[in-house]
Protein backbone atom coordinates (compact mmCIF):
# COMPACT_ATOMS: atom_id res chain seq x y z
CA MET A 1 0.16 -99.36 19.89
CA TYR A 2 -2.67 -97.48 21.58
CA TYR A 3 -3.98 -98.85 24.87
CA VAL A 4 -7.52 -97.57 25.34
CA ARG A 5 -9.87 -98.07 28.28
CA ALA A 6 -12.30 -100.81 27.31
CA ASP A 7 -15.40 -98.63 27.71
CA VAL A 8 -13.90 -96.05 25.32
CA PHE A 9 -12.68 -98.81 22.99
CA ASN A 10 -16.18 -100.32 22.76
CA SER A 11 -17.85 -96.94 22.19
CA GLN A 12 -15.71 -96.04 19.14
CA GLN A 13 -16.01 -96.90 15.49
CA TRP A 14 -12.36 -97.49 14.69
CA ASP A 15 -11.04 -96.93 11.17
CA ASP A 16 -9.76 -100.17 9.61
CA ASP A 17 -6.28 -98.62 9.30
CA VAL A 18 -6.18 -97.75 13.01
CA LEU A 19 -7.90 -100.77 14.60
CA PRO A 20 -4.89 -103.13 14.36
CA TYR A 21 -2.95 -100.69 16.58
CA VAL A 22 -5.61 -100.28 19.29
CA THR A 23 -5.94 -102.64 22.26
CA PRO A 24 -8.51 -102.51 25.07
CA PHE A 25 -6.81 -101.83 28.37
CA TRP A 26 -8.55 -102.59 31.65
CA PRO A 27 -5.92 -103.31 34.31
CA LEU A 28 -6.58 -104.85 37.67
CA TYR A 29 -5.27 -101.63 39.24
CA ALA A 30 -7.82 -99.37 37.47
CA PRO A 31 -9.48 -96.75 39.71
CA LYS A 32 -12.27 -98.28 41.78
CA GLY A 33 -14.98 -95.96 40.38
CA ILE A 34 -14.52 -97.24 36.82
CA LYS A 35 -16.94 -99.91 35.64
CA PRO A 36 -15.18 -103.24 34.91
CA LEU A 37 -14.88 -104.58 31.37
CA GLY A 38 -17.35 -107.36 32.12
CA THR A 39 -17.68 -110.58 34.01
CA LEU A 40 -17.10 -114.23 33.40
CA GLY A 41 -19.31 -116.82 35.03
CA ALA A 42 -19.65 -116.69 38.84
CA GLY A 43 -19.10 -112.90 38.87
CA GLN A 44 -15.41 -113.07 38.01
CA THR A 45 -14.36 -109.66 36.62
CA ILE A 46 -12.59 -109.49 33.25
CA PHE A 47 -9.35 -107.53 33.27
CA CYS A 48 -7.22 -106.76 30.26
CA ASP A 49 -3.68 -105.51 30.86
CA TYR A 50 -1.06 -105.69 28.14
CA SER A 51 1.44 -103.31 29.75
CA HIS A 52 4.03 -106.13 29.87
CA GLU A 53 3.98 -106.12 26.05
CA ARG A 54 4.55 -102.41 25.63
CA GLU A 55 7.49 -101.12 23.71
CA TRP A 56 9.18 -98.56 25.89
CA ARG A 57 10.96 -95.94 23.84
CA VAL A 58 12.90 -92.84 24.71
CA THR A 59 13.44 -89.93 22.34
CA HIS A 60 17.08 -89.54 23.26
CA ASP A 61 20.11 -91.75 23.83
CA LEU A 62 19.58 -94.11 26.74
CA GLU A 63 22.76 -94.11 28.74
CA PHE A 64 23.59 -96.67 31.41
CA GLU A 65 26.57 -98.36 32.99
CA TYR A 66 27.19 -102.09 32.67
CA GLU A 67 26.58 -102.53 36.40
CA ASP A 68 23.03 -101.21 35.78
CA VAL A 69 22.23 -104.32 33.70
CA GLN A 70 20.17 -106.69 35.83
CA PHE A 71 20.16 -109.69 33.49
CA VAL A 72 20.66 -110.73 29.88
CA VAL A 73 18.41 -113.46 28.44
CA LEU A 74 19.93 -115.65 25.74
CA PRO A 75 18.50 -118.74 24.04
CA ASP A 76 21.37 -121.14 24.73
CA TYR A 77 25.03 -121.63 25.61
CA MET A 78 26.13 -121.12 22.00
CA ALA A 79 24.60 -117.63 22.01
CA MET A 80 26.50 -116.87 25.20
CA ALA A 81 29.72 -118.24 23.68
CA ARG A 82 29.29 -115.84 20.74
CA PHE A 83 28.56 -112.89 23.06
CA PRO A 84 31.60 -110.58 23.23
CA LYS A 85 33.89 -111.61 26.10
CA GLU A 86 34.57 -108.01 27.18
CA LEU A 87 30.82 -107.40 27.57
CA LYS A 88 30.29 -110.65 29.50
CA ASP A 89 33.12 -109.63 31.85
CA ALA A 90 31.79 -106.07 32.24
CA ILE A 91 28.18 -107.13 32.88
CA GLY A 92 28.99 -110.19 34.98
CA ARG A 93 28.49 -113.72 33.76
CA GLU A 94 26.16 -114.52 36.68
CA LYS A 95 23.60 -112.15 35.12
CA PHE A 96 23.21 -114.25 31.96
CA LEU A 97 20.10 -116.44 31.88
CA LEU A 98 19.98 -119.22 29.32
CA MET A 99 16.51 -120.29 28.22
CA ASP A 100 17.74 -123.82 27.52
CA ASN A 101 18.26 -124.21 31.29
CA TYR A 102 14.65 -123.25 32.00
CA LYS A 103 13.37 -125.57 29.28
CA MET A 104 15.27 -128.45 30.88
CA ILE A 105 13.85 -127.62 34.31
CA GLU A 106 10.33 -127.54 32.89
CA GLU A 107 10.92 -130.86 31.14
CA LEU A 108 12.19 -132.52 34.33
CA TRP A 109 9.69 -130.84 36.71
CA PRO A 110 6.64 -129.84 34.66
CA VAL A 111 4.92 -127.76 37.32
CA HIS A 112 2.94 -125.76 34.77
CA LYS A 113 1.17 -128.79 33.28
CA LEU A 114 -1.96 -130.21 34.80
């Protein structure tokens, strides 16, 4: 994926084979001298930042210790039950987050719904 400043993105004629891999990138933290992507009503500036969706790759083996793992996200308890016991013990079971738990919280306390 190519992340391209929005002004450059808009000024290009992208080849049909390349366009699916190009995304305008206009983060909130862009240098102040750069013209914003545009505005919504009431002067609200449009920002476009997909850095959270990037695939981070290294060209060599990525080595780490189990204590370096901050958390492991799994869909449910059954996935955790299938996870190798020796890895759960080495990483620490308190670092496993089960999405089913968060779904239940959202169902009981739907703070994200208006």
